[in-house]
């Protein structure tokens, strides 16, 4: 990990399709769509979408990892347009159950092993 890196967990490049639902503070659905991960760690993802994410919303993600689909909740920390006209958003996970965390850790470890 880069010594200037401020993240607690190392991120690995990963392109996974996912479905997401954004909810406002009243828990009302504001948007449902598809996106893809650009990278992932035990605590969050970099998400690419066609629309800018509202940082006042929370997000529910259904991500396909190999033979598993994980349902994970997150907080939209930031969102910006990139050079190809798509939007990238930093998502911080919260409330992940133990089973989902085990699957996520195994997936990340498998990517690291295949990369080396």
C-alpha atoms as a PDB file:
ATOM      1  CA  UNK A   1       0.000   0.000   0.000  1.00  0.00           C
ATOM      2  CA  UNK A   2       1.218   3.495  -0.821  1.00  0.00           C
ATOM      3  CA  UNK A   3       2.607   5.176   2.350  1.00  0.00           C
ATOM      4  CA  UNK A   4       0.561   8.279   1.478  1.00  0.00           C
ATOM      5  CA  UNK A   5      -2.608   6.184   1.262  1.00  0.00           C
ATOM      6  CA  UNK A   6      -5.155   7.187   3.886  1.00  0.00           C
ATOM      7  CA  UNK A   7      -7.491   4.233   3.480  1.00  0.00           C
ATOM      8  CA  UNK A   8      -7.611   1.567   6.149  1.00  0.00           C
ATOM      9  CA  UNK A   9      -8.063  -1.234   3.580  1.00  0.00           C
ATOM     10  CA  UNK A  10      -6.311  -1.623   0.242  1.00  0.00           C
ATOM     11  CA  UNK A  11      -8.577  -1.383  -2.817  1.00  0.00           C
ATOM     12  CA  UNK A  12      -8.348  -3.779  -5.740  1.00  0.00           C
ATOM     13  CA  UNK A  13      -9.528  -3.149  -9.294  1.00  0.00           C
ATOM     14  CA  UNK A  14     -12.767  -4.976  -9.914  1.00  0.00           C
ATOM     15  CA  UNK A  15     -15.425  -4.564 -12.607  1.00  0.00           C
ATOM     16  CA  UNK A  16     -18.686  -6.029 -11.303  1.00  0.00           C
ATOM     17  CA  UNK A  17     -22.157  -5.129 -12.463  1.00  0.00           C
ATOM     18  CA  UNK A  18     -24.552  -4.149  -9.731  1.00  0.00           C
ATOM     19  CA  UNK A  19     -28.047  -2.884  -9.126  1.00  0.00           C
ATOM     20  CA  UNK A  20     -28.541   0.005  -6.738  1.00  0.00           C
ATOM     21  CA  UNK A  21     -31.302   1.875  -4.963  1.00  0.00           C
ATOM     22  CA  UNK A  22     -30.789   5.366  -3.537  1.00  0.00           C
ATOM     23  CA  UNK A  23     -32.955   6.543  -0.640  1.00  0.00           C
ATOM     24  CA  UNK A  24     -33.385   9.980   0.887  1.00  0.00           C
ATOM     25  CA  UNK A  25     -33.399  10.815   4.612  1.00  0.00           C
ATOM     26  CA  UNK A  26     -37.096   9.835   4.810  1.00  0.00           C
ATOM     27  CA  UNK A  27     -36.151   6.396   3.411  1.00  0.00           C
ATOM     28  CA  UNK A  28     -38.043   7.120   0.188  1.00  0.00           C
ATOM     29  CA  UNK A  29     -36.665   5.587  -3.009  1.00  0.00           C
ATOM     30  CA  UNK A  30     -35.193   8.361  -5.159  1.00  0.00           C
ATOM     31  CA  UNK A  31     -33.478   6.282  -7.854  1.00  0.00           C
ATOM     32  CA  UNK A  32     -32.988   2.700  -8.991  1.00  0.00           C
ATOM     33  CA  UNK A  33     -30.505   1.789 -11.718  1.00  0.00           C
ATOM     34  CA  UNK A  34     -27.481  -0.271 -12.714  1.00  0.00           C
ATOM     35  CA  UNK A  35     -23.801   0.552 -12.358  1.00  0.00           C
ATOM     36  CA  UNK A  36     -20.450  -1.155 -12.045  1.00  0.00           C
ATOM     37  CA  UNK A  37     -17.642  -1.271  -9.581  1.00  0.00           C
ATOM     38  CA  UNK A  38     -14.260   0.126 -10.599  1.00  0.00           C
ATOM     39  CA  UNK A  39     -12.479  -0.934  -7.428  1.00  0.00           C
ATOM     40  CA  UNK A  40     -13.414  -2.416  -4.099  1.00  0.00           C
ATOM     41  CA  UNK A  41     -12.165  -2.854  -0.544  1.00  0.00           C
ATOM     42  CA  UNK A  42     -13.585  -4.252   2.671  1.00  0.00           C
ATOM     43  CA  UNK A  43     -15.026  -0.842   3.487  1.00  0.00           C
ATOM     44  CA  UNK A  44     -16.210   0.577   0.182  1.00  0.00           C
ATOM     45  CA  UNK A  45     -16.254   0.798  -3.583  1.00  0.00           C
ATOM     46  CA  UNK A  46     -15.656   3.203  -6.399  1.00  0.00           C
ATOM     47  CA  UNK A  47     -18.907   3.057  -8.370  1.00  0.00           C
ATOM     48  CA  UNK A  48     -19.422   4.122 -11.994  1.00  0.00           C
ATOM     49  CA  UNK A  49     -22.911   5.203 -13.096  1.00  0.00           C
ATOM     50  CA  UNK A  50     -24.653   7.223 -15.798  1.00  0.00           C
ATOM     51  CA  UNK A  51     -25.928   9.776 -13.271  1.00  0.00           C
ATOM     52  CA  UNK A  52     -24.383  11.825 -10.489  1.00  0.00           C
ATOM     53  CA  UNK A  53     -25.113  10.446  -7.015  1.00  0.00           C
ATOM     54  CA  UNK A  54     -26.659  12.679  -4.362  1.00  0.00           C
ATOM     55  CA  UNK A  55     -24.439  12.676  -1.264  1.00  0.00           C
ATOM     56  CA  UNK A  56     -27.500  13.261   0.909  1.00  0.00           C
ATOM     57  CA  UNK A  57     -28.750   9.777   0.021  1.00  0.00           C
ATOM     58  CA  UNK A  58     -27.881   6.306   1.222  1.00  0.00           C
ATOM     59  CA  UNK A  59     -27.475   3.473  -1.245  1.00  0.00           C
ATOM     60  CA  UNK A  60     -28.378  -0.211  -1.248  1.00  0.00           C
ATOM     61  CA  UNK A  61     -26.216  -2.303  -3.559  1.00  0.00           C
ATOM     62  CA  UNK A  62     -26.725  -5.809  -4.957  1.00  0.00           C
ATOM     63  CA  UNK A  63     -23.312  -6.861  -6.272  1.00  0.00           C
ATOM     64  CA  UNK A  64     -22.511 -10.110  -8.072  1.00  0.00           C
ATOM     65  CA  UNK A  65     -19.282 -11.774  -6.897  1.00  0.00           C
ATOM     66  CA  UNK A  66     -18.606 -15.110  -8.593  1.00  0.00           C
ATOM     67  CA  UNK A  67     -21.438 -17.356  -7.379  1.00  0.00           C
ATOM     68  CA  UNK A  68     -22.763 -14.927  -4.768  1.00  0.00           C
ATOM     69  CA  UNK A  69     -24.897 -11.806  -4.818  1.00  0.00           C
ATOM     70  CA  UNK A  70     -24.206  -9.551  -1.841  1.00  0.00           C
ATOM     71  CA  UNK A  71     -26.658  -6.956  -0.590  1.00  0.00           C
ATOM     72  CA  UNK A  72     -24.677  -4.146   1.014  1.00  0.00           C
ATOM     73  CA  UNK A  73     -25.694  -0.692   2.257  1.00  0.00           C
ATOM     74  CA  UNK A  74     -23.536   2.363   1.855  1.00  0.00           C
ATOM     75  CA  UNK A  75     -23.138   6.071   2.260  1.00  0.00           C
ATOM     76  CA  UNK A  76     -22.404   8.142  -0.838  1.00  0.00           C
ATOM     77  CA  UNK A  77     -19.320  10.118   0.214  1.00  0.00           C
ATOM     78  CA  UNK A  78     -18.672  11.987  -3.060  1.00  0.00           C
ATOM     79  CA  UNK A  79     -19.651  11.964  -6.750  1.00  0.00           C
ATOM     80  CA  UNK A  80     -18.060  13.563  -9.814  1.00  0.00           C
ATOM     81  CA  UNK A  81     -18.141  13.398 -13.607  1.00  0.00           C
ATOM     82  CA  UNK A  82     -15.144  11.720 -15.223  1.00  0.00           C
ATOM     83  CA  UNK A  83     -13.525  12.325 -18.612  1.00  0.00           C
ATOM     84  CA  UNK A  84     -15.732   9.827 -20.489  1.00  0.00           C
ATOM     85  CA  UNK A  85     -18.975  11.493 -19.353  1.00  0.00           C
ATOM     86  CA  UNK A  86     -19.803   8.844 -16.756  1.00  0.00           C
ATOM     87  CA  UNK A  87     -19.940   9.533 -13.023  1.00  0.00           C
ATOM     88  CA  UNK A  88     -17.743   8.055 -10.321  1.00  0.00           C
ATOM     89  CA  UNK A  89     -18.886   7.924  -6.715  1.00  0.00           C
ATOM     90  CA  UNK A  90     -17.105   6.889  -3.556  1.00  0.00           C
ATOM     91  CA  UNK A  91     -19.297   4.584  -1.477  1.00  0.00           C
ATOM     92  CA  UNK A  92     -18.527   3.694   2.142  1.00  0.00           C
ATOM     93  CA  UNK A  93     -20.162   0.472   3.352  1.00  0.00           C
ATOM     94  CA  UNK A  94     -22.040   0.222   6.636  1.00  0.00           C
ATOM     95  CA  UNK A  95     -23.827  -2.569   8.481  1.00  0.00           C
ATOM     96  CA  UNK A  96     -22.298  -5.488   6.568  1.00  0.00           C
ATOM     97  CA  UNK A  97     -23.197  -8.823   8.153  1.00  0.00           C
ATOM     98  CA  UNK A  98     -20.498 -11.387   8.927  1.00  0.00           C
ATOM     99  CA  UNK A  99     -21.381 -13.765   6.091  1.00  0.00           C
ATOM    100  CA  UNK A 100     -21.251 -10.992   3.480  1.00  0.00           C
ATOM    101  CA  UNK A 101     -17.939  -9.755   4.898  1.00  0.00           C
ATOM    102  CA  UNK A 102     -16.417 -13.252   4.642  1.00  0.00           C
ATOM    103  CA  UNK A 103     -17.488 -13.503   0.996  1.00  0.00           C
ATOM    104  CA  UNK A 104     -16.183 -10.010   0.240  1.00  0.00           C
ATOM    105  CA  UNK A 105     -12.799 -10.736   1.876  1.00  0.00           C
ATOM    106  CA  UNK A 106     -12.437 -14.015  -0.066  1.00  0.00           C
ATOM    107  CA  UNK A 107     -13.268 -12.237  -3.318  1.00  0.00           C
ATOM    108  CA  UNK A 108     -10.693  -9.493  -2.678  1.00  0.00           C
ATOM    109  CA  UNK A 109      -8.041 -12.044  -1.694  1.00  0.00           C
ATOM    110  CA  UNK A 110      -8.700 -14.042  -4.884  1.00  0.00           C
ATOM    111  CA  UNK A 111      -8.179 -10.891  -6.980  1.00  0.00           C
ATOM    112  CA  UNK A 112      -4.901 -10.154  -5.180  1.00  0.00           C
ATOM    113  CA  UNK A 113      -3.648 -13.717  -5.713  1.00  0.00           C
ATOM    114  CA  UNK A 114      -4.503 -13.649  -9.424  1.00  0.00           C
ATOM    115  CA  UNK A 115      -2.797 -10.294  -9.837  1.00  0.00           C
ATOM    116  CA  UNK A 116       0.523 -11.445  -8.344  1.00  0.00           C
END
